C-alpha cells in the first residue's frame, strides 16, 4: 500500500522508488499516452493466492496492427474483476483471450501466455470448445436465440450432451439468474417477447446452464435501464460465491460498486494517429484504484479528467 495521504493530493516524484507490484507514478504534466514509462512486467499482483487466470506478456494483433501489448496480471478466483479504460484500449480484446473467442477472428493473433488454473489455454492439446464450456460469456447487447425461453437455456446442455433432467437444468439456471419467478409460467414463449433486462438475464442463465467456472461479461449493462442494471449487479454479487467473474465496463460507478479488483488500461499513441496500442497501466484492489491510485493517469481517468 502507498504511504501517500490521499487527502493531501501529493504524489510520488519522478525517480522515486516504484511501489512494489505496481506501475511507477507518472508526472502530472506528462502527456497521457505517448509511450509511457510503465514497467508492465511489474504490474502482476503477487498477493493473489488462488488465481483463476494468469497472463504473462499477453499481446494481441489484428493483421499487422498491434491492438494490445504486454498485459501481465492475475485474476482471482471467486471474485469480480473489472477492466476499465477508454474506448480502444484493449479491454474486450483481453477478455476474449480468456475463452479463446479471438480464435473466431481470422486476422487475430495472440502472443504470450494465458494460464487457466495453471493450464496453458493456448496449448496445442487444449480444445477451444471445452474451454468455452468452462468459461462462459455474456455480451454487450442481449442476444437470445429465436427460440422459446426453455430452448434458449436447454440449447447448451443439449449440445454438450449433459446428463440429467433438462427441466431441472433449465429451472436451476433460471433460478441462479434470478429469472425463474418472472418466466416460470411462460417457458414456451419466444424469448424475444421479454424485456431488455430480462433478455440479458436470460443470456446469463444460458451461460450458467453449462455450469461454467468463470463468467466473462463484456459491458453487460450498457444497453439497460438503471433498474435492470441494478438487478444484474445484484446478481453478480450472488454469483461470485460460486463463479469467478471478469467484467468490462465503461461505467466507473459500476466498477466501484461491483468489483473486488480493477485493471486500468490506456491507449498509447505510437508514431502515427493510426498506431493505437492498448496497455495495462495499473491493477489492484478496487478501493485503492479509486481512492489512492499509484499512477496519475489512473487518478485522472477515474475522477473524470479525461477519457
C-alpha atoms as a PDB file:
ATOM      1  CA  UNK A   1       0.000   0.000   0.000  1.00  0.00           C
ATOM      2  CA  UNK A   2       1.136   3.539  -0.662  1.00  0.00           C
ATOM      3  CA  UNK A   3       2.272   5.795   2.168  1.00  0.00           C
ATOM      4  CA  UNK A   4       0.833   8.827   0.383  1.00  0.00           C
ATOM      5  CA  UNK A   5      -2.007  10.536   2.194  1.00  0.00           C
ATOM      6  CA  UNK A   6      -4.821  10.675  -0.398  1.00  0.00           C
ATOM      7  CA  UNK A   7      -6.233  13.792   1.237  1.00  0.00           C
ATOM      8  CA  UNK A   8      -3.002  15.707   0.707  1.00  0.00           C
ATOM      9  CA  UNK A   9      -3.188  15.372  -3.082  1.00  0.00           C
ATOM     10  CA  UNK A  10       0.560  14.692  -3.293  1.00  0.00           C
ATOM     11  CA  UNK A  11       2.098  12.030  -5.482  1.00  0.00           C
ATOM     12  CA  UNK A  12       5.474  10.342  -5.829  1.00  0.00           C
ATOM     13  CA  UNK A  13       8.062  12.484  -7.588  1.00  0.00           C
ATOM     14  CA  UNK A  14       9.723  11.233 -10.785  1.00  0.00           C
ATOM     15  CA  UNK A  15      12.581   8.956  -9.902  1.00  0.00           C
ATOM     16  CA  UNK A  16      11.060   7.885  -6.593  1.00  0.00           C
ATOM     17  CA  UNK A  17      11.166   4.134  -5.873  1.00  0.00           C
ATOM     18  CA  UNK A  18       8.199   2.403  -7.523  1.00  0.00           C
ATOM     19  CA  UNK A  19       5.548   0.799  -5.340  1.00  0.00           C
ATOM     20  CA  UNK A  20       6.063  -2.948  -5.255  1.00  0.00           C
ATOM     21  CA  UNK A  21       3.849  -4.777  -7.718  1.00  0.00           C
ATOM     22  CA  UNK A  22       2.564  -1.625  -9.392  1.00  0.00           C
ATOM     23  CA  UNK A  23       3.441   0.725 -12.212  1.00  0.00           C
ATOM     24  CA  UNK A  24       5.587   3.733 -11.216  1.00  0.00           C
ATOM     25  CA  UNK A  25       3.899   7.111 -10.945  1.00  0.00           C
ATOM     26  CA  UNK A  26       3.957   9.484 -13.926  1.00  0.00           C
ATOM     27  CA  UNK A  27       4.338  13.282 -13.501  1.00  0.00           C
ATOM     28  CA  UNK A  28       1.020  15.101 -13.751  1.00  0.00           C
ATOM     29  CA  UNK A  29       2.296  17.353 -16.549  1.00  0.00           C
ATOM     30  CA  UNK A  30       3.337  14.493 -18.797  1.00  0.00           C
ATOM     31  CA  UNK A  31       1.012  13.703 -21.765  1.00  0.00           C
ATOM     32  CA  UNK A  32      -1.395  10.859 -21.157  1.00  0.00           C
ATOM     33  CA  UNK A  33      -0.277   8.425 -23.752  1.00  0.00           C
ATOM     34  CA  UNK A  34       2.981   8.877 -25.586  1.00  0.00           C
ATOM     35  CA  UNK A  35       4.912   5.629 -24.979  1.00  0.00           C
ATOM     36  CA  UNK A  36       4.605   5.638 -21.162  1.00  0.00           C
ATOM     37  CA  UNK A  37       7.375   4.677 -18.760  1.00  0.00           C
ATOM     38  CA  UNK A  38       5.305   1.906 -17.222  1.00  0.00           C
ATOM     39  CA  UNK A  39       7.054  -1.279 -16.135  1.00  0.00           C
ATOM     40  CA  UNK A  40       4.426  -3.667 -17.426  1.00  0.00           C
ATOM     41  CA  UNK A  41       6.201  -6.689 -16.029  1.00  0.00           C
ATOM     42  CA  UNK A  42       5.798  -5.242 -12.545  1.00  0.00           C
ATOM     43  CA  UNK A  43       2.011  -4.943 -12.696  1.00  0.00           C
ATOM     44  CA  UNK A  44       1.412  -8.545 -11.619  1.00  0.00           C
ATOM     45  CA  UNK A  45      -0.310  -8.657  -8.243  1.00  0.00           C
ATOM     46  CA  UNK A  46       1.593 -11.259  -6.261  1.00  0.00           C
ATOM     47  CA  UNK A  47      -0.869 -11.183  -3.363  1.00  0.00           C
ATOM     48  CA  UNK A  48      -3.466 -13.308  -5.212  1.00  0.00           C
ATOM     49  CA  UNK A  49      -3.248 -16.786  -3.729  1.00  0.00           C
ATOM     50  CA  UNK A  50      -5.731 -18.654  -5.948  1.00  0.00           C
ATOM     51  CA  UNK A  51      -5.718 -17.100  -9.423  1.00  0.00           C
ATOM     52  CA  UNK A  52      -8.148 -18.462 -11.979  1.00  0.00           C
ATOM     53  CA  UNK A  53      -6.188 -16.749 -14.790  1.00  0.00           C
ATOM     54  CA  UNK A  54      -2.575 -15.638 -15.096  1.00  0.00           C
ATOM     55  CA  UNK A  55      -1.418 -13.736 -18.163  1.00  0.00           C
ATOM     56  CA  UNK A  56       2.224 -13.124 -18.988  1.00  0.00           C
ATOM     57  CA  UNK A  57       3.236 -10.577 -21.638  1.00  0.00           C
ATOM     58  CA  UNK A  58      -0.077 -11.137 -23.416  1.00  0.00           C
ATOM     59  CA  UNK A  59      -0.314  -9.256 -26.736  1.00  0.00           C
ATOM     60  CA  UNK A  60      -2.962  -9.361 -29.464  1.00  0.00           C
ATOM     61  CA  UNK A  61      -2.649  -8.177 -33.052  1.00  0.00           C
ATOM     62  CA  UNK A  62      -5.237  -7.854 -35.813  1.00  0.00           C
ATOM     63  CA  UNK A  63      -3.362  -8.442 -39.032  1.00  0.00           C
ATOM     64  CA  UNK A  64      -0.210  -6.323 -38.835  1.00  0.00           C
ATOM     65  CA  UNK A  65      -1.733  -3.892 -36.326  1.00  0.00           C
ATOM     66  CA  UNK A  66      -0.831  -4.406 -32.674  1.00  0.00           C
ATOM     67  CA  UNK A  67      -4.009  -3.875 -30.612  1.00  0.00           C
ATOM     68  CA  UNK A  68      -2.850  -4.506 -27.039  1.00  0.00           C
ATOM     69  CA  UNK A  69       0.635  -5.269 -25.731  1.00  0.00           C
ATOM     70  CA  UNK A  70       2.372  -6.932 -22.785  1.00  0.00           C
ATOM     71  CA  UNK A  71      -0.518  -7.469 -20.367  1.00  0.00           C
ATOM     72  CA  UNK A  72       0.575  -9.352 -17.262  1.00  0.00           C
ATOM     73  CA  UNK A  73      -1.873  -9.859 -14.418  1.00  0.00           C
ATOM     74  CA  UNK A  74      -3.542 -12.448 -12.196  1.00  0.00           C
ATOM     75  CA  UNK A  75      -7.326 -12.769 -11.927  1.00  0.00           C
ATOM     76  CA  UNK A  76      -8.540 -14.061  -8.544  1.00  0.00           C
ATOM     77  CA  UNK A  77     -10.917 -16.962  -8.092  1.00  0.00           C
ATOM     78  CA  UNK A  78     -14.472 -16.333  -6.810  1.00  0.00           C
ATOM     79  CA  UNK A  79     -14.146 -12.556  -7.065  1.00  0.00           C
ATOM     80  CA  UNK A  80     -15.268  -9.886  -9.529  1.00  0.00           C
ATOM     81  CA  UNK A  81     -12.505  -8.274 -11.581  1.00  0.00           C
ATOM     82  CA  UNK A  82     -13.295  -5.147 -13.624  1.00  0.00           C
ATOM     83  CA  UNK A  83     -11.454  -3.912 -16.712  1.00  0.00           C
ATOM     84  CA  UNK A  84     -11.810  -0.159 -17.222  1.00  0.00           C
ATOM     85  CA  UNK A  85     -10.312   2.365 -19.618  1.00  0.00           C
ATOM     86  CA  UNK A  86     -11.144   4.487 -22.678  1.00  0.00           C
ATOM     87  CA  UNK A  87     -12.514   3.019 -25.905  1.00  0.00           C
ATOM     88  CA  UNK A  88      -9.937   1.158 -27.973  1.00  0.00           C
ATOM     89  CA  UNK A  89      -7.596   0.327 -25.088  1.00  0.00           C
ATOM     90  CA  UNK A  90      -7.942  -3.443 -25.465  1.00  0.00           C
ATOM     91  CA  UNK A  91     -10.245  -4.340 -22.561  1.00  0.00           C
ATOM     92  CA  UNK A  92     -12.598  -6.532 -24.594  1.00  0.00           C
ATOM     93  CA  UNK A  93      -9.717  -7.970 -26.617  1.00  0.00           C
ATOM     94  CA  UNK A  94      -8.032  -9.241 -23.444  1.00  0.00           C
ATOM     95  CA  UNK A  95     -11.368 -10.502 -22.101  1.00  0.00           C
ATOM     96  CA  UNK A  96     -11.882 -12.569 -25.261  1.00  0.00           C
ATOM     97  CA  UNK A  97      -8.458 -14.157 -24.777  1.00  0.00           C
ATOM     98  CA  UNK A  98      -9.789 -15.838 -21.627  1.00  0.00           C
ATOM     99  CA  UNK A  99     -12.149 -18.108 -23.550  1.00  0.00           C
ATOM    100  CA  UNK A 100     -10.375 -18.023 -26.918  1.00  0.00           C
ATOM    101  CA  UNK A 101     -13.112 -16.038 -28.653  1.00  0.00           C
ATOM    102  CA  UNK A 102     -10.387 -14.290 -30.629  1.00  0.00           C
ATOM    103  CA  UNK A 103      -9.850 -17.629 -32.395  1.00  0.00           C
ATOM    104  CA  UNK A 104     -13.036 -16.851 -34.326  1.00  0.00           C
ATOM    105  CA  UNK A 105     -11.460 -13.715 -35.845  1.00  0.00           C
ATOM    106  CA  UNK A 106      -9.210 -14.851 -38.742  1.00  0.00           C
ATOM    107  CA  UNK A 107      -6.914 -11.805 -38.519  1.00  0.00           C
ATOM    108  CA  UNK A 108      -6.380 -12.063 -34.754  1.00  0.00           C
ATOM    109  CA  UNK A 109      -3.017 -13.283 -33.474  1.00  0.00           C
ATOM    110  CA  UNK A 110      -2.322 -13.919 -29.786  1.00  0.00           C
ATOM    111  CA  UNK A 111       1.161 -13.955 -28.261  1.00  0.00           C
ATOM    112  CA  UNK A 112       2.277 -14.503 -24.698  1.00  0.00           C
ATOM    113  CA  UNK A 113       0.800 -16.789 -22.069  1.00  0.00           C
ATOM    114  CA  UNK A 114      -2.701 -17.279 -20.667  1.00  0.00           C
ATOM    115  CA  UNK A 115      -2.958 -19.871 -17.896  1.00  0.00           C
ATOM    116  CA  UNK A 116      -6.306 -21.112 -16.586  1.00  0.00           C
ATOM    117  CA  UNK A 117      -5.864 -22.896 -13.254  1.00  0.00           C
ATOM    118  CA  UNK A 118      -2.272 -23.457 -14.335  1.00  0.00           C
ATOM    119  CA  UNK A 119      -3.125 -24.863 -17.779  1.00  0.00           C
ATOM    120  CA  UNK A 120      -1.888 -23.082 -20.910  1.00  0.00           C
ATOM    121  CA  UNK A 121      -5.163 -22.127 -22.632  1.00  0.00           C
ATOM    122  CA  UNK A 122      -3.414 -21.867 -25.984  1.00  0.00           C
ATOM    123  CA  UNK A 123      -1.601 -25.191 -25.730  1.00  0.00           C
ATOM    124  CA  UNK A 124      -1.782 -27.477 -28.756  1.00  0.00           C
ATOM    125  CA  UNK A 125      -3.710 -30.115 -26.772  1.00  0.00           C
ATOM    126  CA  UNK A 126      -6.420 -27.735 -25.499  1.00  0.00           C
ATOM    127  CA  UNK A 127      -9.867 -27.910 -27.154  1.00  0.00           C
ATOM    128  CA  UNK A 128     -11.334 -24.412 -27.507  1.00  0.00           C
ATOM    129  CA  UNK A 129     -14.882 -25.837 -27.342  1.00  0.00           C
ATOM    130  CA  UNK A 130     -14.147 -27.326 -23.927  1.00  0.00           C
ATOM    131  CA  UNK A 131     -12.613 -24.006 -22.881  1.00  0.00           C
ATOM    132  CA  UNK A 132     -15.875 -22.202 -23.670  1.00  0.00           C
ATOM    133  CA  UNK A 133     -17.833 -24.842 -21.772  1.00  0.00           C
ATOM    134  CA  UNK A 134     -15.936 -23.937 -18.601  1.00  0.00           C
ATOM    135  CA  UNK A 135     -15.665 -20.210 -19.339  1.00  0.00           C
ATOM    136  CA  UNK A 136     -18.998 -18.649 -20.300  1.00  0.00           C
ATOM    137  CA  UNK A 137     -19.525 -15.212 -21.832  1.00  0.00           C
ATOM    138  CA  UNK A 138     -22.241 -12.549 -21.832  1.00  0.00           C
ATOM    139  CA  UNK A 139     -22.102  -9.820 -24.466  1.00  0.00           C
ATOM    140  CA  UNK A 140     -22.902  -6.123 -24.547  1.00  0.00           C
ATOM    141  CA  UNK A 141     -26.340  -6.485 -26.119  1.00  0.00           C
ATOM    142  CA  UNK A 142     -28.742  -9.297 -25.187  1.00  0.00           C
ATOM    143  CA  UNK A 143     -28.610 -11.937 -27.905  1.00  0.00           C
ATOM    144  CA  UNK A 144     -31.279 -14.563 -27.172  1.00  0.00           C
ATOM    145  CA  UNK A 145     -31.825 -17.235 -29.783  1.00  0.00           C
ATOM    146  CA  UNK A 146     -35.085 -17.058 -31.824  1.00  0.00           C
ATOM    147  CA  UNK A 147     -36.453 -19.887 -29.710  1.00  0.00           C
ATOM    148  CA  UNK A 148     -38.563 -20.341 -26.604  1.00  0.00           C
ATOM    149  CA  UNK A 149     -37.225 -19.322 -23.210  1.00  0.00           C
ATOM    150  CA  UNK A 150     -36.866 -23.024 -22.329  1.00  0.00           C
ATOM    151  CA  UNK A 151     -34.998 -23.878 -25.533  1.00  0.00           C
ATOM    152  CA  UNK A 152     -32.618 -20.943 -25.069  1.00  0.00           C
ATOM    153  CA  UNK A 153     -31.452 -22.410 -21.759  1.00  0.00           C
ATOM    154  CA  UNK A 154     -31.530 -26.033 -22.892  1.00  0.00           C
ATOM    155  CA  UNK A 155     -29.507 -25.409 -26.063  1.00  0.00           C
ATOM    156  CA  UNK A 156     -26.031 -25.531 -24.497  1.00  0.00           C
ATOM    157  CA  UNK A 157     -26.625 -28.545 -22.243  1.00  0.00           C
ATOM    158  CA  UNK A 158     -28.099 -30.490 -25.177  1.00  0.00           C
ATOM    159  CA  UNK A 159     -25.188 -29.678 -27.486  1.00  0.00           C
ATOM    160  CA  UNK A 160     -22.717 -30.713 -24.777  1.00  0.00           C
ATOM    161  CA  UNK A 161     -24.649 -33.908 -24.010  1.00  0.00           C
ATOM    162  CA  UNK A 162     -25.189 -33.078 -20.349  1.00  0.00           C
ATOM    163  CA  UNK A 163     -26.943 -35.805 -18.392  1.00  0.00           C
ATOM    164  CA  UNK A 164     -29.926 -35.385 -16.099  1.00  0.00           C
ATOM    165  CA  UNK A 165     -33.394 -33.893 -16.313  1.00  0.00           C
ATOM    166  CA  UNK A 166     -33.463 -30.992 -18.770  1.00  0.00           C
ATOM    167  CA  UNK A 167     -36.377 -29.468 -16.850  1.00  0.00           C
ATOM    168  CA  UNK A 168     -34.235 -29.355 -13.713  1.00  0.00           C
ATOM    169  CA  UNK A 169     -31.216 -27.958 -15.576  1.00  0.00           C
ATOM    170  CA  UNK A 170     -33.333 -25.154 -17.065  1.00  0.00           C
ATOM    171  CA  UNK A 171     -35.006 -24.318 -13.761  1.00  0.00           C
ATOM    172  CA  UNK A 172     -31.717 -24.248 -11.869  1.00  0.00           C
ATOM    173  CA  UNK A 173     -30.117 -21.932 -14.442  1.00  0.00           C
ATOM    174  CA  UNK A 174     -33.085 -19.563 -14.370  1.00  0.00           C
ATOM    175  CA  UNK A 175     -33.076 -19.533 -10.574  1.00  0.00           C
ATOM    176  CA  UNK A 176     -29.345 -18.744 -10.497  1.00  0.00           C
ATOM    177  CA  UNK A 177     -30.039 -15.830 -12.848  1.00  0.00           C
ATOM    178  CA  UNK A 178     -32.913 -14.603 -10.627  1.00  0.00           C
ATOM    179  CA  UNK A 179     -35.330 -15.068 -13.529  1.00  0.00           C
ATOM    180  CA  UNK A 180     -37.356 -18.144 -12.596  1.00  0.00           C
ATOM    181  CA  UNK A 181     -40.220 -16.325 -10.870  1.00  0.00           C
ATOM    182  CA  UNK A 182     -40.584 -13.986 -13.875  1.00  0.00           C
ATOM    183  CA  UNK A 183     -40.839 -16.697 -16.540  1.00  0.00           C
ATOM    184  CA  UNK A 184     -41.837 -20.000 -14.915  1.00  0.00           C
ATOM    185  CA  UNK A 185     -45.369 -19.761 -16.365  1.00  0.00           C
ATOM    186  CA  UNK A 186     -44.257 -18.874 -19.905  1.00  0.00           C
ATOM    187  CA  UNK A 187     -41.274 -21.077 -20.655  1.00  0.00           C
ATOM    188  CA  UNK A 188     -42.704 -21.926 -24.106  1.00  0.00           C
ATOM    189  CA  UNK A 189     -42.976 -18.255 -25.107  1.00  0.00           C
ATOM    190  CA  UNK A 190     -40.495 -16.771 -27.561  1.00  0.00           C
ATOM    191  CA  UNK A 191     -37.569 -15.123 -25.795  1.00  0.00           C
ATOM    192  CA  UNK A 192     -37.931 -12.016 -27.963  1.00  0.00           C
ATOM    193  CA  UNK A 193     -41.097 -11.157 -26.032  1.00  0.00           C
ATOM    194  CA  UNK A 194     -39.073 -10.464 -22.874  1.00  0.00           C
ATOM    195  CA  UNK A 195     -37.898  -7.016 -21.788  1.00  0.00           C
ATOM    196  CA  UNK A 196     -34.280  -5.983 -22.431  1.00  0.00           C
ATOM    197  CA  UNK A 197     -33.264  -6.588 -18.831  1.00  0.00           C
ATOM    198  CA  UNK A 198     -34.956  -9.987 -18.798  1.00  0.00           C
ATOM    199  CA  UNK A 199     -33.276 -10.922 -22.078  1.00  0.00           C
ATOM    200  CA  UNK A 200     -29.860 -10.119 -20.601  1.00  0.00           C
ATOM    201  CA  UNK A 201     -30.599 -12.219 -17.512  1.00  0.00           C
ATOM    202  CA  UNK A 202     -31.769 -14.968 -19.881  1.00  0.00           C
ATOM    203  CA  UNK A 203     -28.379 -14.800 -21.617  1.00  0.00           C
ATOM    204  CA  UNK A 204     -26.691 -15.048 -18.220  1.00  0.00           C
ATOM    205  CA  UNK A 205     -28.883 -18.057 -17.371  1.00  0.00           C
ATOM    206  CA  UNK A 206     -27.985 -19.610 -20.737  1.00  0.00           C
ATOM    207  CA  UNK A 207     -24.296 -19.217 -19.897  1.00  0.00           C
ATOM    208  CA  UNK A 208     -24.840 -20.661 -16.405  1.00  0.00           C
ATOM    209  CA  UNK A 209     -26.715 -23.717 -17.714  1.00  0.00           C
ATOM    210  CA  UNK A 210     -23.451 -25.467 -18.578  1.00  0.00           C
ATOM    211  CA  UNK A 211     -22.101 -24.879 -15.037  1.00  0.00           C
ATOM    212  CA  UNK A 212     -19.148 -22.681 -16.015  1.00  0.00           C
ATOM    213  CA  UNK A 213     -16.283 -21.980 -13.666  1.00  0.00           C
ATOM    214  CA  UNK A 214     -15.868 -18.415 -14.994  1.00  0.00           C
ATOM    215  CA  UNK A 215     -18.300 -15.856 -16.406  1.00  0.00           C
ATOM    216  CA  UNK A 216     -16.932 -13.158 -18.723  1.00  0.00           C
ATOM    217  CA  UNK A 217     -19.167 -10.086 -19.114  1.00  0.00           C
ATOM    218  CA  UNK A 218     -18.479  -7.545 -21.856  1.00  0.00           C
ATOM    219  CA  UNK A 219     -20.351  -4.346 -20.879  1.00  0.00           C
ATOM    220  CA  UNK A 220     -23.464  -6.371 -19.925  1.00  0.00           C
ATOM    221  CA  UNK A 221     -25.456  -3.351 -18.710  1.00  0.00           C
ATOM    222  CA  UNK A 222     -24.623  -0.719 -21.327  1.00  0.00           C
ATOM    223  CA  UNK A 223     -27.987  -1.161 -23.103  1.00  0.00           C
ATOM    224  CA  UNK A 224     -30.082  -1.465 -19.942  1.00  0.00           C
ATOM    225  CA  UNK A 225     -32.063   0.969 -17.812  1.00  0.00           C
ATOM    226  CA  UNK A 226     -30.953   1.704 -14.201  1.00  0.00           C
ATOM    227  CA  UNK A 227     -33.429  -0.750 -12.639  1.00  0.00           C
ATOM    228  CA  UNK A 228     -32.315  -3.628 -14.879  1.00  0.00           C
ATOM    229  CA  UNK A 229     -28.686  -2.645 -14.306  1.00  0.00           C
ATOM    230  CA  UNK A 230     -29.214  -2.841 -10.546  1.00  0.00           C
ATOM    231  CA  UNK A 231     -30.667  -6.337 -10.868  1.00  0.00           C
ATOM    232  CA  UNK A 232     -27.699  -7.507 -12.950  1.00  0.00           C
ATOM    233  CA  UNK A 233     -25.279  -6.037 -10.388  1.00  0.00           C
ATOM    234  CA  UNK A 234     -27.116  -7.735  -7.506  1.00  0.00           C
ATOM    235  CA  UNK A 235     -26.975 -10.971  -9.497  1.00  0.00           C
ATOM    236  CA  UNK A 236     -23.218 -10.626  -9.969  1.00  0.00           C
ATOM    237  CA  UNK A 237     -22.725 -10.310  -6.207  1.00  0.00           C
ATOM    238  CA  UNK A 238     -24.719 -13.508  -5.694  1.00  0.00           C
ATOM    239  CA  UNK A 239     -22.933 -15.426  -8.451  1.00  0.00           C
ATOM    240  CA  UNK A 240     -19.407 -14.680  -7.244  1.00  0.00           C
ATOM    241  CA  UNK A 241     -19.973 -17.103  -4.372  1.00  0.00           C
ATOM    242  CA  UNK A 242     -19.658 -19.907  -6.926  1.00  0.00           C
ATOM    243  CA  UNK A 243     -18.340 -18.328 -10.157  1.00  0.00           C
ATOM    244  CA  UNK A 244     -15.322 -16.147 -10.928  1.00  0.00           C
ATOM    245  CA  UNK A 245     -16.410 -13.046 -12.876  1.00  0.00           C
ATOM    246  CA  UNK A 246     -14.482 -10.680 -15.158  1.00  0.00           C
ATOM    247  CA  UNK A 247     -16.398  -7.638 -16.399  1.00  0.00           C
ATOM    248  CA  UNK A 248     -15.534  -4.945 -18.939  1.00  0.00           C
ATOM    249  CA  UNK A 249     -17.321  -1.684 -18.172  1.00  0.00           C
ATOM    250  CA  UNK A 250     -17.186   1.988 -19.124  1.00  0.00           C
ATOM    251  CA  UNK A 251     -19.270   2.839 -16.061  1.00  0.00           C
ATOM    252  CA  UNK A 252     -16.878   3.938 -13.312  1.00  0.00           C
ATOM    253  CA  UNK A 253     -19.607   3.823 -10.673  1.00  0.00           C
ATOM    254  CA  UNK A 254     -20.464   0.275 -11.674  1.00  0.00           C
ATOM    255  CA  UNK A 255     -16.847  -0.850 -11.452  1.00  0.00           C
ATOM    256  CA  UNK A 256     -16.571   0.742  -7.993  1.00  0.00           C
ATOM    257  CA  UNK A 257     -19.832  -0.877  -6.836  1.00  0.00           C
ATOM    258  CA  UNK A 258     -19.416  -4.439  -8.026  1.00  0.00           C
ATOM    259  CA  UNK A 259     -15.736  -5.331  -8.396  1.00  0.00           C
ATOM    260  CA  UNK A 260     -13.146  -6.566  -5.921  1.00  0.00           C
ATOM    261  CA  UNK A 261     -10.208  -5.713  -8.189  1.00  0.00           C
ATOM    262  CA  UNK A 262      -9.829  -3.306 -11.088  1.00  0.00           C
ATOM    263  CA  UNK A 263      -7.409  -3.162 -14.014  1.00  0.00           C
ATOM    264  CA  UNK A 264      -6.993   0.201 -15.785  1.00  0.00           C
ATOM    265  CA  UNK A 265      -5.975   0.211 -19.452  1.00  0.00           C
ATOM    266  CA  UNK A 266      -4.969   3.171 -21.607  1.00  0.00           C
ATOM    267  CA  UNK A 267      -4.498   3.867 -25.322  1.00  0.00           C
ATOM    268  CA  UNK A 268      -0.921   4.537 -26.336  1.00  0.00           C
ATOM    269  CA  UNK A 269      -0.346   6.639 -29.438  1.00  0.00           C
ATOM    270  CA  UNK A 270       2.555   5.360 -31.495  1.00  0.00           C
ATOM    271  CA  UNK A 271       4.358   7.088 -34.322  1.00  0.00           C
ATOM    272  CA  UNK A 272       1.061   7.932 -36.066  1.00  0.00           C
ATOM    273  CA  UNK A 273      -2.594   8.502 -35.221  1.00  0.00           C
ATOM    274  CA  UNK A 274      -3.410   5.028 -36.551  1.00  0.00           C
ATOM    275  CA  UNK A 275      -0.857   3.312 -34.297  1.00  0.00           C
ATOM    276  CA  UNK A 276      -3.068   2.952 -31.227  1.00  0.00           C
ATOM    277  CA  UNK A 277      -1.889   0.326 -28.753  1.00  0.00           C
ATOM    278  CA  UNK A 278      -3.694  -0.725 -25.591  1.00  0.00           C
ATOM    279  CA  UNK A 279      -1.594  -1.081 -22.445  1.00  0.00           C
ATOM    280  CA  UNK A 280      -2.255  -2.050 -18.851  1.00  0.00           C
ATOM    281  CA  UNK A 281      -1.331   0.856 -16.568  1.00  0.00           C
ATOM    282  CA  UNK A 282      -2.387  -0.242 -13.110  1.00  0.00           C
ATOM    283  CA  UNK A 283      -4.097  -3.165 -11.385  1.00  0.00           C
ATOM    284  CA  UNK A 284      -5.089  -3.703  -7.787  1.00  0.00           C
ATOM    285  CA  UNK A 285      -7.899  -3.740  -5.208  1.00  0.00           C
ATOM    286  CA  UNK A 286     -10.801  -1.612  -6.418  1.00  0.00           C
ATOM    287  CA  UNK A 287     -10.990   0.609  -3.349  1.00  0.00           C
ATOM    288  CA  UNK A 288      -7.335   1.595  -3.781  1.00  0.00           C
ATOM    289  CA  UNK A 289      -7.603   2.115  -7.539  1.00  0.00           C
ATOM    290  CA  UNK A 290     -10.461   4.557  -6.983  1.00  0.00           C
ATOM    291  CA  UNK A 291      -9.201   6.324  -3.853  1.00  0.00           C
ATOM    292  CA  UNK A 292      -5.394   6.130  -3.911  1.00  0.00           C
ATOM    293  CA  UNK A 293      -4.055   5.030  -7.323  1.00  0.00           C
ATOM    294  CA  UNK A 294      -0.291   4.866  -7.828  1.00  0.00           C
ATOM    295  CA  UNK A 295      -0.373   6.326 -11.352  1.00  0.00           C
ATOM    296  CA  UNK A 296      -1.633   9.858 -12.036  1.00  0.00           C
ATOM    297  CA  UNK A 297      -3.275   8.730 -15.289  1.00  0.00           C
ATOM    298  CA  UNK A 298      -5.432   6.313 -13.296  1.00  0.00           C
ATOM    299  CA  UNK A 299      -6.421   9.106 -10.945  1.00  0.00           C
ATOM    300  CA  UNK A 300      -7.306  11.418 -13.841  1.00  0.00           C
ATOM    301  CA  UNK A 301      -9.418   8.756 -15.542  1.00  0.00           C
ATOM    302  CA  UNK A 302     -11.428   7.597 -12.514  1.00  0.00           C
ATOM    303  CA  UNK A 303     -12.003  11.218 -11.490  1.00  0.00           C
ATOM    304  CA  UNK A 304     -13.303  12.115 -14.963  1.00  0.00           C
ATOM    305  CA  UNK A 305     -10.490  14.442 -16.031  1.00  0.00           C
ATOM    306  CA  UNK A 306     -10.032  12.522 -19.303  1.00  0.00           C
ATOM    307  CA  UNK A 307     -11.447   9.523 -21.119  1.00  0.00           C
END
